N, C-alpha and C. Protein backbone atom coordinates (compact mmCIF):
# COMPACT_ATOMS: atom_id res chain seq x y z
N UNK A 1 183.74 20.11 167.49
CA UNK A 1 182.63 19.32 166.97
C UNK A 1 182.54 19.43 165.46
N UNK A 2 183.23 20.41 164.90
CA UNK A 2 183.20 20.60 163.46
C UNK A 2 182.14 21.60 163.05
N UNK A 3 182.14 21.89 161.77
CA UNK A 3 181.18 22.85 161.22
C UNK A 3 180.84 22.42 159.81
N UNK A 4 180.07 23.25 159.10
CA UNK A 4 179.79 22.97 157.71
C UNK A 4 181.09 22.87 156.92
N UNK A 5 181.06 22.19 155.79
CA UNK A 5 182.28 21.85 155.05
C UNK A 5 183.01 23.09 154.55
N UNK A 6 182.28 24.04 153.96
CA UNK A 6 182.94 25.26 153.46
C UNK A 6 183.54 26.07 154.61
N UNK A 7 182.83 26.16 155.71
CA UNK A 7 183.35 26.88 156.87
C UNK A 7 184.58 26.17 157.42
N UNK A 8 184.53 24.85 157.46
CA UNK A 8 185.69 24.08 157.95
C UNK A 8 186.91 24.33 157.07
N UNK A 9 186.71 24.41 155.76
CA UNK A 9 187.86 24.68 154.89
C UNK A 9 188.43 26.06 155.16
N UNK A 10 187.55 27.05 155.43
CA UNK A 10 188.02 28.40 155.76
C UNK A 10 188.78 28.41 157.08
N UNK A 11 188.32 27.65 158.06
CA UNK A 11 189.00 27.57 159.35
C UNK A 11 190.40 26.98 159.16
N UNK A 12 190.52 25.92 158.36
CA UNK A 12 191.83 25.31 158.13
C UNK A 12 192.78 26.25 157.41
N UNK A 13 192.27 27.00 156.43
CA UNK A 13 193.11 28.00 155.77
C UNK A 13 193.52 29.11 156.74
N UNK A 14 192.60 29.49 157.61
CA UNK A 14 192.89 30.52 158.61
C UNK A 14 193.99 30.07 159.55
N UNK A 15 193.91 28.84 160.03
CA UNK A 15 194.94 28.31 160.94
C UNK A 15 196.27 28.18 160.22
N UNK A 16 196.24 27.83 158.96
CA UNK A 16 197.46 27.65 158.17
C UNK A 16 198.16 28.98 157.93
N UNK A 17 197.39 30.02 157.61
CA UNK A 17 197.99 31.29 157.19
C UNK A 17 198.00 32.36 158.27
N UNK A 18 197.14 32.23 159.29
CA UNK A 18 197.03 33.25 160.32
C UNK A 18 196.06 34.37 159.96
N UNK A 19 195.46 34.32 158.78
CA UNK A 19 194.46 35.32 158.39
C UNK A 19 193.10 34.93 158.97
N UNK A 20 192.16 35.87 159.01
CA UNK A 20 190.87 35.60 159.65
C UNK A 20 190.01 34.67 158.79
N UNK A 21 189.11 33.97 159.46
CA UNK A 21 188.16 33.09 158.79
C UNK A 21 187.32 33.89 157.79
N UNK A 22 186.91 35.10 158.20
CA UNK A 22 186.09 35.93 157.34
C UNK A 22 186.74 36.23 155.99
N UNK A 23 188.05 36.42 155.98
CA UNK A 23 188.76 36.69 154.72
C UNK A 23 188.62 35.51 153.77
N UNK A 24 188.80 34.29 154.32
CA UNK A 24 188.70 33.11 153.46
C UNK A 24 187.26 32.83 153.05
N UNK A 25 186.29 33.15 153.90
CA UNK A 25 184.90 33.00 153.50
C UNK A 25 184.57 33.98 152.38
N UNK A 26 185.17 35.18 152.43
CA UNK A 26 184.98 36.15 151.36
C UNK A 26 185.61 35.64 150.06
N UNK A 27 186.83 35.13 150.14
CA UNK A 27 187.52 34.61 148.95
C UNK A 27 186.73 33.44 148.36
N UNK A 28 186.28 32.52 149.24
CA UNK A 28 185.47 31.40 148.76
C UNK A 28 184.22 31.90 148.06
N UNK A 29 183.56 32.90 148.64
CA UNK A 29 182.35 33.45 148.05
C UNK A 29 182.62 34.08 146.69
N UNK A 30 183.72 34.82 146.60
CA UNK A 30 184.10 35.45 145.33
C UNK A 30 184.33 34.39 144.26
N UNK A 31 185.07 33.33 144.62
CA UNK A 31 185.34 32.25 143.66
C UNK A 31 184.05 31.52 143.28
N UNK A 32 183.15 31.34 144.26
CA UNK A 32 181.85 30.73 143.95
C UNK A 32 181.05 31.60 143.00
N UNK A 33 181.07 32.92 143.22
CA UNK A 33 180.33 33.84 142.34
C UNK A 33 180.86 33.77 140.91
N UNK A 34 182.19 33.67 140.76
CA UNK A 34 182.78 33.51 139.43
C UNK A 34 182.39 32.16 138.82
N UNK A 35 182.42 31.12 139.64
CA UNK A 35 182.04 29.78 139.17
C UNK A 35 180.61 29.78 138.65
N UNK A 36 179.73 30.50 139.34
CA UNK A 36 178.33 30.56 138.93
C UNK A 36 178.18 31.16 137.54
N UNK A 37 179.01 32.16 137.23
CA UNK A 37 178.95 32.77 135.90
C UNK A 37 179.35 31.75 134.83
N UNK A 38 180.33 30.91 135.17
CA UNK A 38 180.75 29.85 134.23
C UNK A 38 179.63 28.82 134.08
N UNK A 39 179.02 28.42 135.20
CA UNK A 39 177.98 27.39 135.16
C UNK A 39 176.74 27.82 134.38
N UNK A 40 176.40 29.12 134.44
CA UNK A 40 175.22 29.58 133.68
C UNK A 40 175.59 29.95 132.24
N UNK A 41 176.88 29.90 131.93
CA UNK A 41 177.40 30.10 130.57
C UNK A 41 177.13 31.47 129.98
N UNK A 42 177.09 32.47 130.85
CA UNK A 42 176.98 33.86 130.39
C UNK A 42 177.29 34.74 131.59
N UNK A 43 177.61 36.02 131.35
CA UNK A 43 177.88 36.91 132.48
C UNK A 43 176.60 37.63 132.87
N UNK A 44 176.18 37.42 134.11
CA UNK A 44 175.01 38.07 134.67
C UNK A 44 175.51 39.01 135.77
N UNK A 45 175.76 40.28 135.40
CA UNK A 45 176.39 41.22 136.33
C UNK A 45 175.54 41.46 137.57
N UNK A 46 174.20 41.47 137.40
CA UNK A 46 173.33 41.72 138.55
C UNK A 46 173.45 40.58 139.57
N UNK A 47 173.45 39.35 139.09
CA UNK A 47 173.60 38.19 139.96
C UNK A 47 174.95 38.26 140.69
N UNK A 48 176.01 38.56 139.92
CA UNK A 48 177.35 38.63 140.49
C UNK A 48 177.43 39.71 141.57
N UNK A 49 176.91 40.89 141.28
CA UNK A 49 176.94 42.00 142.23
C UNK A 49 176.15 41.67 143.50
N UNK A 50 174.95 41.12 143.34
CA UNK A 50 174.14 40.74 144.50
C UNK A 50 174.86 39.72 145.38
N UNK A 51 175.50 38.74 144.74
CA UNK A 51 176.21 37.72 145.51
C UNK A 51 177.41 38.31 146.25
N UNK A 52 178.10 39.26 145.63
CA UNK A 52 179.24 39.88 146.29
C UNK A 52 178.79 40.74 147.47
N UNK A 53 177.68 41.43 147.34
CA UNK A 53 177.14 42.21 148.47
C UNK A 53 176.78 41.27 149.61
N UNK A 54 176.11 40.16 149.27
CA UNK A 54 175.73 39.17 150.28
C UNK A 54 176.97 38.66 151.02
N UNK A 55 178.01 38.30 150.27
CA UNK A 55 179.21 37.70 150.88
C UNK A 55 179.96 38.70 151.76
N UNK A 56 179.91 39.98 151.41
CA UNK A 56 180.55 40.99 152.26
C UNK A 56 179.94 41.00 153.66
N UNK A 57 178.62 40.99 153.71
CA UNK A 57 177.95 40.96 155.02
C UNK A 57 178.16 39.61 155.71
N UNK A 58 178.04 38.54 154.96
CA UNK A 58 178.16 37.20 155.53
C UNK A 58 179.52 36.97 156.18
N UNK A 59 180.59 37.30 155.45
CA UNK A 59 181.94 37.05 155.98
C UNK A 59 182.20 37.90 157.23
N UNK A 60 181.68 39.12 157.25
CA UNK A 60 181.83 39.97 158.44
C UNK A 60 181.09 39.36 159.63
N UNK A 61 179.85 38.92 159.39
CA UNK A 61 179.06 38.39 160.50
C UNK A 61 179.59 37.06 161.02
N UNK A 62 180.23 36.27 160.17
CA UNK A 62 180.84 35.03 160.66
C UNK A 62 181.91 35.36 161.68
N UNK A 63 182.80 36.30 161.35
CA UNK A 63 183.82 36.71 162.32
C UNK A 63 183.18 37.22 163.61
N UNK A 64 182.11 37.99 163.48
CA UNK A 64 181.41 38.54 164.64
C UNK A 64 180.85 37.42 165.52
N UNK A 65 180.17 36.44 164.90
CA UNK A 65 179.56 35.37 165.69
C UNK A 65 180.60 34.42 166.28
N UNK A 66 181.73 34.24 165.61
CA UNK A 66 182.80 33.43 166.20
C UNK A 66 183.24 34.07 167.52
N UNK A 67 183.38 35.38 167.55
CA UNK A 67 183.75 36.08 168.78
C UNK A 67 182.67 35.94 169.85
N UNK A 68 181.40 36.06 169.44
CA UNK A 68 180.29 35.92 170.40
C UNK A 68 180.27 34.53 171.01
N UNK A 69 180.40 33.50 170.18
CA UNK A 69 180.38 32.12 170.69
C UNK A 69 181.56 31.86 171.61
N UNK A 70 182.72 32.46 171.29
CA UNK A 70 183.87 32.33 172.19
C UNK A 70 183.57 32.97 173.54
N UNK A 71 182.98 34.16 173.51
CA UNK A 71 182.64 34.85 174.76
C UNK A 71 181.60 34.07 175.58
N UNK A 72 180.66 33.41 174.90
CA UNK A 72 179.64 32.64 175.60
C UNK A 72 180.16 31.30 176.12
N UNK A 73 181.36 30.93 175.70
CA UNK A 73 181.94 29.68 176.18
C UNK A 73 181.37 28.43 175.53
N UNK A 74 180.81 28.57 174.33
CA UNK A 74 180.22 27.41 173.65
C UNK A 74 181.26 26.30 173.49
N UNK A 75 182.48 26.65 173.17
CA UNK A 75 183.53 25.66 172.96
C UNK A 75 183.95 24.93 174.21
N UNK A 76 183.51 25.40 175.38
CA UNK A 76 183.87 24.74 176.64
C UNK A 76 182.73 23.91 177.23
N UNK A 77 181.62 23.83 176.51
CA UNK A 77 180.49 23.03 176.98
C UNK A 77 180.83 21.54 176.88
N UNK A 78 180.09 20.68 177.59
CA UNK A 78 180.32 19.23 177.48
C UNK A 78 180.18 18.75 176.03
N UNK A 79 180.92 17.73 175.68
CA UNK A 79 181.01 17.27 174.30
C UNK A 79 179.66 16.91 173.70
N UNK A 80 178.79 16.26 174.46
CA UNK A 80 177.48 15.87 173.93
C UNK A 80 176.66 17.11 173.58
N UNK A 81 176.71 18.11 174.44
CA UNK A 81 175.97 19.34 174.20
C UNK A 81 176.52 20.10 173.00
N UNK A 82 177.86 20.14 172.89
CA UNK A 82 178.47 20.81 171.72
C UNK A 82 178.08 20.10 170.42
N UNK A 83 178.08 18.77 170.44
CA UNK A 83 177.70 18.00 169.24
C UNK A 83 176.26 18.29 168.86
N UNK A 84 175.37 18.31 169.87
CA UNK A 84 173.96 18.57 169.61
C UNK A 84 173.75 19.97 169.06
N UNK A 85 174.42 20.98 169.64
CA UNK A 85 174.29 22.36 169.17
C UNK A 85 174.81 22.48 167.74
N UNK A 86 175.94 21.84 167.44
CA UNK A 86 176.51 21.92 166.10
C UNK A 86 175.59 21.29 165.05
N UNK A 87 175.08 20.10 165.35
CA UNK A 87 174.18 19.42 164.39
C UNK A 87 172.86 20.17 164.25
N UNK A 88 172.38 20.71 165.35
CA UNK A 88 171.14 21.50 165.30
C UNK A 88 171.36 22.75 164.45
N UNK A 89 172.52 23.39 164.61
CA UNK A 89 172.84 24.57 163.80
C UNK A 89 172.86 24.24 162.31
N UNK A 90 173.45 23.10 161.95
CA UNK A 90 173.49 22.69 160.55
C UNK A 90 172.08 22.40 160.04
N UNK A 91 171.26 21.77 160.88
CA UNK A 91 169.87 21.49 160.50
C UNK A 91 169.13 22.80 160.21
N UNK A 92 169.31 23.79 161.10
CA UNK A 92 168.63 25.07 160.91
C UNK A 92 169.12 25.80 159.66
N UNK A 93 170.44 25.76 159.41
CA UNK A 93 170.87 26.48 158.21
C UNK A 93 170.45 25.76 156.93
N UNK A 94 170.29 24.44 156.97
CA UNK A 94 169.77 23.72 155.80
C UNK A 94 168.30 24.09 155.57
N UNK A 95 167.54 24.24 156.65
CA UNK A 95 166.15 24.66 156.51
C UNK A 95 166.08 26.08 155.93
N UNK A 96 166.98 26.94 156.39
CA UNK A 96 167.06 28.30 155.85
C UNK A 96 167.43 28.30 154.37
N UNK A 97 168.39 27.43 154.01
CA UNK A 97 168.80 27.32 152.61
C UNK A 97 167.61 26.91 151.74
N UNK A 98 166.82 25.96 152.22
CA UNK A 98 165.64 25.53 151.48
C UNK A 98 164.72 26.70 151.20
N UNK A 99 164.46 27.52 152.21
CA UNK A 99 163.54 28.64 152.05
C UNK A 99 164.09 29.69 151.09
N UNK A 100 165.34 30.07 151.29
CA UNK A 100 165.79 31.19 150.46
C UNK A 100 166.24 30.76 149.08
N UNK A 101 166.56 29.46 148.89
CA UNK A 101 166.79 28.98 147.54
C UNK A 101 165.47 28.97 146.75
N UNK A 102 164.39 28.62 147.42
CA UNK A 102 163.10 28.63 146.73
C UNK A 102 162.67 30.06 146.40
N UNK A 103 162.89 30.98 147.31
CA UNK A 103 162.54 32.38 147.04
C UNK A 103 163.44 32.95 145.95
N UNK A 104 164.72 32.59 145.97
CA UNK A 104 165.70 32.96 144.94
C UNK A 104 165.71 34.46 144.66
N UNK A 105 165.87 35.25 145.71
CA UNK A 105 165.96 36.70 145.53
C UNK A 105 167.44 37.09 145.48
N UNK A 106 168.13 36.94 146.60
CA UNK A 106 169.58 37.13 146.67
C UNK A 106 170.12 35.99 147.52
N UNK A 107 171.18 35.35 147.05
CA UNK A 107 171.73 34.21 147.78
C UNK A 107 173.23 34.33 147.96
N UNK A 108 173.71 33.58 148.96
CA UNK A 108 175.14 33.37 149.10
C UNK A 108 175.60 32.67 147.82
N UNK A 109 176.74 33.05 147.26
CA UNK A 109 177.19 32.44 146.01
C UNK A 109 177.25 30.91 146.07
N UNK A 110 177.66 30.37 147.20
CA UNK A 110 177.76 28.92 147.33
C UNK A 110 176.39 28.25 147.22
N UNK A 111 175.38 28.86 147.83
CA UNK A 111 174.03 28.29 147.73
C UNK A 111 173.47 28.46 146.34
N UNK A 112 173.87 29.51 145.64
CA UNK A 112 173.47 29.66 144.25
C UNK A 112 174.14 28.59 143.40
N UNK A 113 175.40 28.26 143.72
CA UNK A 113 176.11 27.19 143.00
C UNK A 113 175.33 25.89 143.09
N UNK A 114 174.92 25.54 144.33
CA UNK A 114 174.20 24.27 144.48
C UNK A 114 172.84 24.34 143.77
N UNK A 115 172.21 25.50 143.78
CA UNK A 115 170.93 25.66 143.06
C UNK A 115 171.12 25.48 141.56
N UNK A 116 172.17 26.10 141.01
CA UNK A 116 172.47 25.97 139.58
C UNK A 116 172.78 24.52 139.24
N UNK A 117 173.65 23.90 140.03
CA UNK A 117 173.96 22.48 139.79
C UNK A 117 172.70 21.63 139.85
N UNK A 118 171.89 21.89 140.85
CA UNK A 118 170.68 21.10 141.08
C UNK A 118 169.72 21.16 139.89
N UNK A 119 169.45 22.36 139.38
CA UNK A 119 168.41 22.50 138.38
C UNK A 119 168.90 22.53 136.93
N UNK A 120 170.14 22.91 136.71
CA UNK A 120 170.63 22.93 135.33
C UNK A 120 171.39 21.67 134.95
N UNK A 121 171.93 20.96 135.95
CA UNK A 121 172.80 19.83 135.63
C UNK A 121 172.38 18.50 136.27
N UNK A 122 171.63 18.53 137.36
CA UNK A 122 171.39 17.30 138.13
C UNK A 122 169.91 16.96 138.29
N UNK A 123 169.07 17.42 137.41
CA UNK A 123 167.65 17.06 137.38
C UNK A 123 166.93 17.25 138.71
N UNK A 124 167.30 18.32 139.44
CA UNK A 124 166.59 18.66 140.67
C UNK A 124 167.07 17.95 141.92
N UNK A 125 168.20 17.24 141.86
CA UNK A 125 168.67 16.48 143.03
C UNK A 125 169.45 17.38 144.01
N UNK A 126 168.82 17.66 145.15
CA UNK A 126 169.48 18.47 146.19
C UNK A 126 170.68 17.72 146.77
N UNK A 127 170.55 16.40 146.94
CA UNK A 127 171.62 15.61 147.55
C UNK A 127 172.86 15.59 146.68
N UNK A 128 172.68 15.31 145.39
CA UNK A 128 173.85 15.25 144.50
C UNK A 128 174.51 16.62 144.36
N UNK A 129 173.70 17.67 144.29
CA UNK A 129 174.29 19.01 144.14
C UNK A 129 175.12 19.38 145.37
N UNK A 130 174.63 19.01 146.55
CA UNK A 130 175.40 19.29 147.78
C UNK A 130 176.70 18.48 147.80
N UNK A 131 176.64 17.20 147.44
CA UNK A 131 177.85 16.37 147.46
C UNK A 131 178.90 16.87 146.48
N UNK A 132 178.48 17.26 145.28
CA UNK A 132 179.43 17.79 144.30
C UNK A 132 180.03 19.10 144.80
N UNK A 133 179.19 19.93 145.42
CA UNK A 133 179.65 21.21 145.93
C UNK A 133 180.67 21.06 147.06
N UNK A 134 180.67 19.92 147.73
CA UNK A 134 181.61 19.69 148.83
C UNK A 134 183.01 19.31 148.36
N UNK A 135 183.18 18.96 147.09
CA UNK A 135 184.49 18.51 146.60
C UNK A 135 185.58 19.58 146.78
N UNK A 136 185.38 20.85 146.32
CA UNK A 136 186.46 21.83 146.49
C UNK A 136 186.89 22.06 147.94
N UNK A 137 185.96 22.27 148.90
CA UNK A 137 186.44 22.50 150.26
C UNK A 137 187.13 21.28 150.88
N UNK A 138 186.71 20.09 150.50
CA UNK A 138 187.38 18.89 151.01
C UNK A 138 188.80 18.83 150.47
N UNK A 139 188.98 19.17 149.19
CA UNK A 139 190.34 19.21 148.61
C UNK A 139 191.20 20.26 149.32
N UNK A 140 190.60 21.42 149.62
CA UNK A 140 191.33 22.47 150.35
C UNK A 140 191.78 21.95 151.71
N UNK A 141 190.91 21.24 152.41
CA UNK A 141 191.27 20.71 153.72
C UNK A 141 192.37 19.66 153.62
N UNK A 142 192.36 18.85 152.57
CA UNK A 142 193.41 17.84 152.37
C UNK A 142 194.75 18.53 152.16
N UNK A 143 194.77 19.55 151.30
CA UNK A 143 196.02 20.29 151.03
C UNK A 143 196.51 20.98 152.31
N UNK A 144 195.60 21.61 153.03
CA UNK A 144 195.95 22.27 154.28
C UNK A 144 196.54 21.27 155.27
N UNK A 145 195.92 20.10 155.37
CA UNK A 145 196.42 19.07 156.29
C UNK A 145 197.82 18.61 155.91
N UNK A 146 198.09 18.49 154.60
CA UNK A 146 199.41 18.07 154.14
C UNK A 146 200.48 19.04 154.65
N UNK A 147 200.17 20.34 154.64
CA UNK A 147 201.15 21.34 155.04
C UNK A 147 201.20 21.57 156.55
N UNK A 148 200.08 21.47 157.23
CA UNK A 148 200.06 21.80 158.66
C UNK A 148 200.08 20.57 159.57
N UNK A 149 199.71 19.41 159.03
CA UNK A 149 199.58 18.17 159.81
C UNK A 149 198.49 18.25 160.87
N UNK A 150 197.58 19.20 160.70
CA UNK A 150 196.43 19.33 161.61
C UNK A 150 195.16 19.53 160.79
N UNK A 151 194.06 19.08 161.35
CA UNK A 151 192.76 19.27 160.73
C UNK A 151 191.86 19.95 161.75
N UNK A 152 191.39 21.15 161.42
CA UNK A 152 190.60 21.95 162.36
C UNK A 152 189.14 22.02 161.93
N UNK A 153 188.27 22.15 162.91
CA UNK A 153 186.84 22.37 162.68
C UNK A 153 186.18 21.26 161.87
N UNK A 154 186.77 20.08 161.94
CA UNK A 154 186.20 18.90 161.28
C UNK A 154 185.87 17.90 162.37
N UNK A 155 184.61 17.50 162.42
CA UNK A 155 184.19 16.56 163.45
C UNK A 155 182.81 16.01 163.17
N UNK A 156 182.09 15.74 164.22
CA UNK A 156 180.76 15.14 164.11
C UNK A 156 179.84 16.00 163.23
N UNK A 157 179.84 17.30 163.46
CA UNK A 157 178.95 18.18 162.70
C UNK A 157 179.33 18.23 161.22
N UNK A 158 180.62 18.14 160.92
CA UNK A 158 181.06 18.14 159.52
C UNK A 158 180.57 16.89 158.81
N UNK A 159 180.73 15.75 159.47
CA UNK A 159 180.23 14.50 158.91
C UNK A 159 178.71 14.54 158.75
N UNK A 160 178.04 15.09 159.74
CA UNK A 160 176.59 15.26 159.68
C UNK A 160 176.21 16.12 158.47
N UNK A 161 176.96 17.19 158.26
CA UNK A 161 176.70 18.08 157.13
C UNK A 161 176.88 17.36 155.80
N UNK A 162 177.99 16.62 155.65
CA UNK A 162 178.25 15.90 154.41
C UNK A 162 177.15 14.88 154.12
N UNK A 163 176.74 14.16 155.15
CA UNK A 163 175.76 13.09 154.98
C UNK A 163 174.33 13.59 154.80
N UNK A 164 173.97 14.70 155.47
CA UNK A 164 172.56 15.05 155.56
C UNK A 164 172.15 16.40 154.96
N UNK A 165 173.08 17.26 154.55
CA UNK A 165 172.68 18.57 154.00
C UNK A 165 171.62 18.44 152.92
N UNK A 166 171.92 17.66 151.89
CA UNK A 166 170.99 17.51 150.78
C UNK A 166 169.66 16.94 151.21
N UNK A 167 169.69 15.94 152.08
CA UNK A 167 168.47 15.32 152.57
C UNK A 167 167.61 16.32 153.35
N UNK A 168 168.25 17.10 154.23
CA UNK A 168 167.50 18.07 155.03
C UNK A 168 166.89 19.15 154.14
N UNK A 169 167.66 19.63 153.17
CA UNK A 169 167.15 20.65 152.25
C UNK A 169 165.96 20.11 151.46
N UNK A 170 166.11 18.89 150.93
CA UNK A 170 165.01 18.28 150.15
C UNK A 170 163.78 18.06 151.02
N UNK A 171 163.97 17.61 152.26
CA UNK A 171 162.85 17.38 153.16
C UNK A 171 162.18 18.70 153.53
N UNK A 172 162.99 19.74 153.79
CA UNK A 172 162.43 21.06 154.09
C UNK A 172 161.65 21.60 152.89
N UNK A 173 162.13 21.32 151.67
CA UNK A 173 161.40 21.73 150.46
C UNK A 173 159.98 21.16 150.48
N UNK A 174 159.84 19.94 150.98
CA UNK A 174 158.54 19.26 150.98
C UNK A 174 157.65 19.70 152.13
N UNK A 175 158.24 19.90 153.31
CA UNK A 175 157.41 20.07 154.52
C UNK A 175 157.44 21.46 155.15
N UNK A 176 158.47 22.26 154.87
CA UNK A 176 158.58 23.58 155.46
C UNK A 176 158.10 24.60 154.44
N UNK A 177 156.90 25.14 154.67
CA UNK A 177 156.25 26.05 153.75
C UNK A 177 156.19 25.42 152.35
N UNK A 178 155.48 24.30 152.21
CA UNK A 178 155.50 23.52 150.97
C UNK A 178 154.95 24.27 149.74
N UNK A 179 154.15 25.30 149.95
CA UNK A 179 153.60 26.03 148.81
C UNK A 179 154.59 27.04 148.23
N UNK A 180 155.72 27.23 148.89
CA UNK A 180 156.77 28.10 148.34
C UNK A 180 157.54 27.28 147.32
N UNK A 181 157.29 27.54 146.06
CA UNK A 181 157.91 26.76 144.99
C UNK A 181 159.25 27.37 144.58
N UNK A 182 160.07 26.55 143.95
CA UNK A 182 161.37 27.03 143.48
C UNK A 182 161.17 28.06 142.38
N UNK A 183 161.67 29.23 142.64
CA UNK A 183 161.60 30.33 141.71
C UNK A 183 162.92 30.39 140.95
N UNK A 184 163.21 29.33 140.21
CA UNK A 184 164.49 29.24 139.51
C UNK A 184 164.30 29.67 138.07
N UNK A 185 164.68 30.92 137.80
CA UNK A 185 164.59 31.47 136.46
C UNK A 185 166.00 31.73 135.98
N UNK A 186 166.33 31.15 134.86
CA UNK A 186 167.69 31.33 134.39
C UNK A 186 167.76 31.21 132.88
N UNK A 187 168.32 32.20 132.25
CA UNK A 187 168.60 32.10 130.83
C UNK A 187 169.98 31.46 130.69
N UNK A 188 170.03 30.43 129.88
CA UNK A 188 171.30 29.77 129.61
C UNK A 188 171.43 29.69 128.10
N UNK A 189 172.34 30.47 127.57
CA UNK A 189 172.51 30.50 126.13
C UNK A 189 171.18 30.85 125.46
N UNK A 190 170.80 30.08 124.42
CA UNK A 190 169.57 30.39 123.70
C UNK A 190 168.30 29.92 124.39
N UNK A 191 168.44 29.05 125.39
CA UNK A 191 167.24 28.52 126.01
C UNK A 191 166.98 29.19 127.35
N UNK A 192 165.77 29.11 127.85
CA UNK A 192 165.42 29.72 129.13
C UNK A 192 164.64 28.74 129.97
N UNK A 193 164.95 28.71 131.25
CA UNK A 193 164.15 27.95 132.20
C UNK A 193 163.38 28.98 132.99
N UNK A 194 162.09 29.03 132.84
CA UNK A 194 161.28 30.04 133.51
C UNK A 194 160.96 29.67 134.94
N UNK A 195 160.58 28.43 135.16
CA UNK A 195 160.26 28.02 136.52
C UNK A 195 160.42 26.52 136.62
N UNK A 196 161.05 26.08 137.65
CA UNK A 196 161.23 24.66 137.89
C UNK A 196 160.46 24.30 139.13
N UNK A 197 159.51 23.40 139.02
CA UNK A 197 158.72 22.98 140.18
C UNK A 197 159.25 21.67 140.68
N UNK A 198 159.44 21.59 142.00
CA UNK A 198 159.87 20.32 142.56
C UNK A 198 158.67 19.49 142.95
């Protein structure tokens, strides 16, 4: 049924190389954390360290949950049910992204990337930041497909993610705990953004 775009790119790299999905999710997270330092135009060691700690746990738990879902037989359920579960999962993680991006305490590097793009470069647009953020993993999947002639973990849920991630996050910003404002504080060069309200 597919998965989120970054996860799908990790699955394709995993199938291509034989290494675990968690390894590629860790590598993606590390590269995202480095990208964030470039996007904010200064080195913020605390932000980088927090993101790396987050990604260590995240990549481990992805491997863990892949095993759990395999044991539960999720992949053998009827196609309509699998599609519904996949899209529902993406909806829930977009709602979660909305909440923890607004809290802005510690984030997955990729979600910090979209937050930085959204508020420093795209005038608060959740949709555009998500679409731009999808370019690297889509390119990875294209390259992987060229070499393997197969495309894995790309399906209905992946298309749903590409089309609706930004919309769901923006809608959750408005309706899910609406008084939780974006706590986006970032020094960029000589200027500082103390708080951005959506």
